[in-house]
Amino acid sequence: MKNKSLYIVIIFLALIFCTLAALAAYFLFFAEKSNNTSSEKTDTTLTSDSNSDVEASETTQDADTNEEDNTDTSENYNFTYLTEALVYAPDPDNHVGFKICDTSIPSCTVYIIDRSLIDEIVIGEQYQVSFNATDTCEGAAGTSYCMIRGDVLVEPI
């Protein structure tokens, strides 16, 4: 009876070891796949339609290209979203929000912009929002709130 228990424990430990090895290999494969080792810059653009579905598209630009035209277009920014302006409830006088939802994973991100950085915004209207970076992101109940920092371009659609 003692030998049976020992064999069961050894088989159980072997199964745990194999499971951990498989998980490690899985995560290493996807981490290696997501690392970009080439000299290309990849920008992801999420486009939101009226049903809050999100389409993702990627554009690739060679890192060796020289940008001669420094005009203020969405092509000069890392992130570009088509979204609707909304009231940012904690501070509607000084900030405006732009909400992006991804239905494949039930989550939304509200990008917050200081009103002094942009022209007049009409709440409920569609805009193309382009920016390079966010400052802080905090989340609650499936929604992240990110403050946009640096240059931002907001264009009506």
C-alpha atoms as a PDB file:
ATOM      1  CA  MET A   1       0.000   0.000   0.000  1.00  0.00           C
ATOM      2  CA  LYS A   2       2.863   2.344   0.781  1.00  0.00           C
ATOM      3  CA  ASN A   3       4.369   1.796  -2.696  1.00  0.00           C
ATOM      4  CA  LYS A   4       1.042   2.654  -4.404  1.00  0.00           C
ATOM      5  CA  SER A   5       0.860   5.945  -2.529  1.00  0.00           C
ATOM      6  CA  LEU A   6       4.442   6.737  -3.486  1.00  0.00           C
ATOM      7  CA  TYR A   7       3.726   6.026  -7.169  1.00  0.00           C
ATOM      8  CA  ILE A   8       0.622   8.221  -7.083  1.00  0.00           C
ATOM      9  CA  VAL A   9       2.587  11.095  -5.523  1.00  0.00           C
ATOM     10  CA  ILE A  10       5.368  10.724  -8.118  1.00  0.00           C
ATOM     11  CA  ILE A  11       2.848  10.682 -10.997  1.00  0.00           C
ATOM     12  CA  PHE A  12       1.076  13.720  -9.522  1.00  0.00           C
ATOM     13  CA  LEU A  13       4.357  15.654  -9.221  1.00  0.00           C
ATOM     14  CA  ALA A  14       5.315  14.661 -12.780  1.00  0.00           C
ATOM     15  CA  LEU A  15       1.970  15.986 -14.075  1.00  0.00           C
ATOM     16  CA  ILE A  16       2.465  19.272 -12.230  1.00  0.00           C
ATOM     17  CA  PHE A  17       5.993  19.581 -13.627  1.00  0.00           C
ATOM     18  CA  CYS A  18       4.774  18.905 -17.201  1.00  0.00           C
ATOM     19  CA  THR A  19       1.958  21.437 -16.817  1.00  0.00           C
ATOM     20  CA  LEU A  20       4.340  24.122 -15.558  1.00  0.00           C
ATOM     21  CA  ALA A  21       6.787  23.374 -18.379  1.00  0.00           C
ATOM     22  CA  ALA A  22       3.986  23.645 -20.950  1.00  0.00           C
ATOM     23  CA  LEU A  23       2.823  26.975 -19.490  1.00  0.00           C
ATOM     24  CA  ALA A  24       6.365  28.349 -19.485  1.00  0.00           C
ATOM     25  CA  ALA A  25       6.850  27.307 -23.120  1.00  0.00           C
ATOM     26  CA  TYR A  26       3.503  28.863 -24.063  1.00  0.00           C
ATOM     27  CA  PHE A  27       4.355  32.224 -22.477  1.00  0.00           C
ATOM     28  CA  LEU A  28       7.882  32.229 -23.884  1.00  0.00           C
ATOM     29  CA  PHE A  29       6.532  31.588 -27.386  1.00  0.00           C
ATOM     30  CA  PHE A  30       4.059  34.462 -27.238  1.00  0.00           C
ATOM     31  CA  ALA A  31       6.534  36.836 -25.551  1.00  0.00           C
ATOM     32  CA  GLU A  32       9.057  36.105 -28.303  1.00  0.00           C
ATOM     33  CA  LYS A  33       6.391  36.541 -30.976  1.00  0.00           C
ATOM     34  CA  SER A  34       5.351  39.949 -29.618  1.00  0.00           C
ATOM     35  CA  ASN A  35       8.914  41.322 -29.348  1.00  0.00           C
ATOM     36  CA  ASN A  36       9.745  43.505 -32.330  1.00  0.00           C
ATOM     37  CA  THR A  37      13.443  42.970 -33.085  1.00  0.00           C
ATOM     38  CA  SER A  38      13.459  44.630 -36.507  1.00  0.00           C
ATOM     39  CA  SER A  39      14.101  48.298 -37.179  1.00  0.00           C
ATOM     40  CA  GLU A  40      10.465  48.956 -37.966  1.00  0.00           C
ATOM     41  CA  LYS A  41       8.072  51.059 -35.988  1.00  0.00           C
ATOM     42  CA  THR A  42       4.535  49.662 -35.699  1.00  0.00           C
ATOM     43  CA  ASP A  43       1.601  51.859 -34.778  1.00  0.00           C
ATOM     44  CA  THR A  44      -1.738  50.395 -33.780  1.00  0.00           C
ATOM     45  CA  THR A  45      -4.853  52.373 -34.548  1.00  0.00           C
ATOM     46  CA  LEU A  46      -8.192  51.483 -33.016  1.00  0.00           C
ATOM     47  CA  THR A  47     -11.294  52.703 -34.786  1.00  0.00           C
ATOM     48  CA  SER A  48     -14.590  52.819 -32.930  1.00  0.00           C
ATOM     49  CA  ASP A  49     -17.928  52.761 -34.750  1.00  0.00           C
ATOM     50  CA  SER A  50     -21.293  53.804 -33.315  1.00  0.00           C
ATOM     51  CA  ASN A  51     -21.800  50.404 -31.650  1.00  0.00           C
ATOM     52  CA  SER A  52     -18.516  50.815 -29.741  1.00  0.00           C
ATOM     53  CA  ASP A  53     -16.944  47.917 -31.615  1.00  0.00           C
ATOM     54  CA  VAL A  54     -13.246  48.352 -32.223  1.00  0.00           C
ATOM     55  CA  GLU A  55     -11.289  47.590 -35.364  1.00  0.00           C
ATOM     56  CA  ALA A  56      -7.513  47.385 -35.100  1.00  0.00           C
ATOM     57  CA  SER A  57      -5.201  48.220 -37.952  1.00  0.00           C
ATOM     58  CA  GLU A  58      -1.440  48.460 -38.039  1.00  0.00           C
ATOM     59  CA  THR A  59       0.809  50.612 -40.132  1.00  0.00           C
ATOM     60  CA  THR A  60       4.502  49.956 -40.444  1.00  0.00           C
ATOM     61  CA  GLN A  61       7.105  52.600 -41.115  1.00  0.00           C
ATOM     62  CA  ASP A  62      10.816  51.996 -41.618  1.00  0.00           C
ATOM     63  CA  ALA A  63      12.853  53.568 -38.824  1.00  0.00           C
ATOM     64  CA  ASP A  64      15.423  54.901 -41.311  1.00  0.00           C
ATOM     65  CA  THR A  65      12.904  57.129 -43.117  1.00  0.00           C
ATOM     66  CA  ASN A  66      13.354  60.872 -42.728  1.00  0.00           C
ATOM     67  CA  GLU A  67      10.275  62.922 -41.995  1.00  0.00           C
ATOM     68  CA  GLU A  68      10.703  66.096 -43.994  1.00  0.00           C
ATOM     69  CA  ASP A  69       7.144  67.328 -43.538  1.00  0.00           C
ATOM     70  CA  ASN A  70       6.508  68.173 -39.887  1.00  0.00           C
ATOM     71  CA  THR A  71       2.931  69.368 -40.394  1.00  0.00           C
ATOM     72  CA  ASP A  72       0.437  68.648 -37.640  1.00  0.00           C
ATOM     73  CA  THR A  73      -1.274  65.525 -38.995  1.00  0.00           C
ATOM     74  CA  SER A  74      -2.297  62.286 -37.345  1.00  0.00           C
ATOM     75  CA  GLU A  75       0.603  60.537 -39.119  1.00  0.00           C
ATOM     76  CA  ASN A  76       3.053  62.254 -36.728  1.00  0.00           C
ATOM     77  CA  TYR A  77       1.472  60.576 -33.686  1.00  0.00           C
ATOM     78  CA  ASN A  78       1.843  57.089 -32.203  1.00  0.00           C
ATOM     79  CA  PHE A  79      -1.862  56.605 -31.466  1.00  0.00           C
ATOM     80  CA  THR A  80      -4.926  57.650 -33.445  1.00  0.00           C
ATOM     81  CA  TYR A  81      -8.509  56.868 -32.434  1.00  0.00           C
ATOM     82  CA  LEU A  82     -11.868  57.642 -33.998  1.00  0.00           C
ATOM     83  CA  THR A  83     -14.164  58.243 -31.048  1.00  0.00           C
ATOM     84  CA  GLU A  84     -16.914  60.300 -29.505  1.00  0.00           C
ATOM     85  CA  ALA A  85     -16.380  63.153 -27.064  1.00  0.00           C
ATOM     86  CA  LEU A  86     -17.944  62.715 -23.641  1.00  0.00           C
ATOM     87  CA  VAL A  87     -18.193  64.558 -20.360  1.00  0.00           C
ATOM     88  CA  TYR A  88     -15.401  63.644 -17.970  1.00  0.00           C
ATOM     89  CA  ALA A  89     -17.535  63.697 -14.815  1.00  0.00           C
ATOM     90  CA  PRO A  90     -14.863  64.297 -12.140  1.00  0.00           C
ATOM     91  CA  ASP A  91     -13.738  67.567 -13.778  1.00  0.00           C
ATOM     92  CA  PRO A  92     -15.954  68.598 -16.737  1.00  0.00           C
ATOM     93  CA  ASP A  93     -14.833  72.239 -16.684  1.00  0.00           C
ATOM     94  CA  ASN A  94     -11.139  71.487 -17.235  1.00  0.00           C
ATOM     95  CA  HIS A  95     -11.093  68.106 -19.014  1.00  0.00           C
ATOM     96  CA  VAL A  96     -12.907  66.243 -21.791  1.00  0.00           C
ATOM     97  CA  GLY A  97     -12.964  62.488 -22.313  1.00  0.00           C
ATOM     98  CA  PHE A  98     -12.846  60.279 -25.402  1.00  0.00           C
ATOM     99  CA  LYS A  99     -14.004  56.678 -24.922  1.00  0.00           C
ATOM    100  CA  ILE A 100     -12.684  53.628 -26.822  1.00  0.00           C
ATOM    101  CA  CYS A 101     -14.254  50.205 -26.184  1.00  0.00           C
ATOM    102  CA  ASP A 102     -12.974  46.793 -27.194  1.00  0.00           C
ATOM    103  CA  THR A 103     -15.790  44.240 -27.345  1.00  0.00           C
ATOM    104  CA  SER A 104     -13.431  41.290 -27.819  1.00  0.00           C
ATOM    105  CA  ILE A 105     -12.387  41.818 -24.218  1.00  0.00           C
ATOM    106  CA  PRO A 106     -15.112  43.665 -22.329  1.00  0.00           C
ATOM    107  CA  SER A 107     -13.176  46.794 -21.483  1.00  0.00           C
ATOM    108  CA  CYS A 108     -13.082  50.466 -22.333  1.00  0.00           C
ATOM    109  CA  THR A 109     -10.479  53.196 -22.082  1.00  0.00           C
ATOM    110  CA  VAL A 110     -11.367  56.844 -21.551  1.00  0.00           C
ATOM    111  CA  TYR A 111      -8.609  59.161 -22.768  1.00  0.00           C
ATOM    112  CA  ILE A 112      -8.707  62.443 -20.849  1.00  0.00           C
ATOM    113  CA  ILE A 113      -7.452  65.694 -22.377  1.00  0.00           C
ATOM    114  CA  ASP A 114      -7.001  69.051 -20.678  1.00  0.00           C
ATOM    115  CA  ARG A 115      -9.426  71.492 -22.358  1.00  0.00           C
ATOM    116  CA  SER A 116      -6.698  74.162 -22.543  1.00  0.00           C
ATOM    117  CA  LEU A 117      -4.759  71.978 -25.037  1.00  0.00           C
ATOM    118  CA  ILE A 118      -7.565  71.682 -27.585  1.00  0.00           C
ATOM    119  CA  ASP A 119     -10.132  73.786 -29.405  1.00  0.00           C
ATOM    120  CA  GLU A 120     -13.810  73.758 -28.512  1.00  0.00           C
ATOM    121  CA  ILE A 121     -15.231  70.245 -28.294  1.00  0.00           C
ATOM    122  CA  VAL A 122     -18.899  69.385 -28.781  1.00  0.00           C
ATOM    123  CA  ILE A 123     -19.936  66.564 -26.457  1.00  0.00           C
ATOM    124  CA  GLY A 124     -21.436  63.666 -28.405  1.00  0.00           C
ATOM    125  CA  GLU A 125     -19.705  64.546 -31.688  1.00  0.00           C
ATOM    126  CA  GLN A 126     -17.221  62.232 -33.441  1.00  0.00           C
ATOM    127  CA  TYR A 127     -13.511  63.164 -33.433  1.00  0.00           C
ATOM    128  CA  GLN A 128     -10.184  61.759 -34.514  1.00  0.00           C
ATOM    129  CA  VAL A 129      -7.857  61.945 -31.513  1.00  0.00           C
ATOM    130  CA  SER A 130      -4.092  61.584 -32.103  1.00  0.00           C
ATOM    131  CA  PHE A 131      -1.374  61.621 -29.444  1.00  0.00           C
ATOM    132  CA  ASN A 132       1.998  60.119 -28.518  1.00  0.00           C
ATOM    133  CA  ALA A 133       1.779  59.186 -24.844  1.00  0.00           C
ATOM    134  CA  THR A 134      -0.362  59.012 -21.745  1.00  0.00           C
ATOM    135  CA  ASP A 135       0.663  60.074 -18.275  1.00  0.00           C
ATOM    136  CA  THR A 136      -1.259  57.987 -15.805  1.00  0.00           C
ATOM    137  CA  CYS A 137      -3.823  55.238 -16.290  1.00  0.00           C
ATOM    138  CA  GLU A 138      -6.147  54.103 -13.549  1.00  0.00           C
ATOM    139  CA  GLY A 139      -8.881  51.523 -13.844  1.00  0.00           C
ATOM    140  CA  ALA A 140     -12.154  50.610 -12.252  1.00  0.00           C
ATOM    141  CA  ALA A 141     -14.810  48.039 -13.232  1.00  0.00           C
ATOM    142  CA  GLY A 142     -13.437  47.282 -16.698  1.00  0.00           C
ATOM    143  CA  THR A 143     -12.749  50.901 -17.647  1.00  0.00           C
ATOM    144  CA  SER A 144      -9.314  52.514 -17.687  1.00  0.00           C
ATOM    145  CA  TYR A 145      -8.874  56.273 -17.441  1.00  0.00           C
ATOM    146  CA  CYS A 146      -5.710  57.638 -19.074  1.00  0.00           C
ATOM    147  CA  MET A 147      -4.529  61.255 -19.018  1.00  0.00           C
ATOM    148  CA  ILE A 148      -2.986  62.235 -22.361  1.00  0.00           C
ATOM    149  CA  ARG A 149       0.287  64.140 -22.043  1.00  0.00           C
ATOM    150  CA  GLY A 150       2.332  66.027 -24.598  1.00  0.00           C
ATOM    151  CA  ASP A 151       1.146  66.938 -28.065  1.00  0.00           C
ATOM    152  CA  VAL A 152      -2.413  66.062 -28.979  1.00  0.00           C
ATOM    153  CA  LEU A 153      -4.418  66.609 -32.161  1.00  0.00           C
ATOM    154  CA  VAL A 154      -8.225  66.503 -32.062  1.00  0.00           C
ATOM    155  CA  GLU A 155      -9.991  66.827 -35.416  1.00  0.00           C
ATOM    156  CA  PRO A 156     -13.753  66.672 -36.028  1.00  0.00           C
ATOM    157  CA  ILE A 157     -14.901  63.920 -38.367  1.00  0.00           C
END
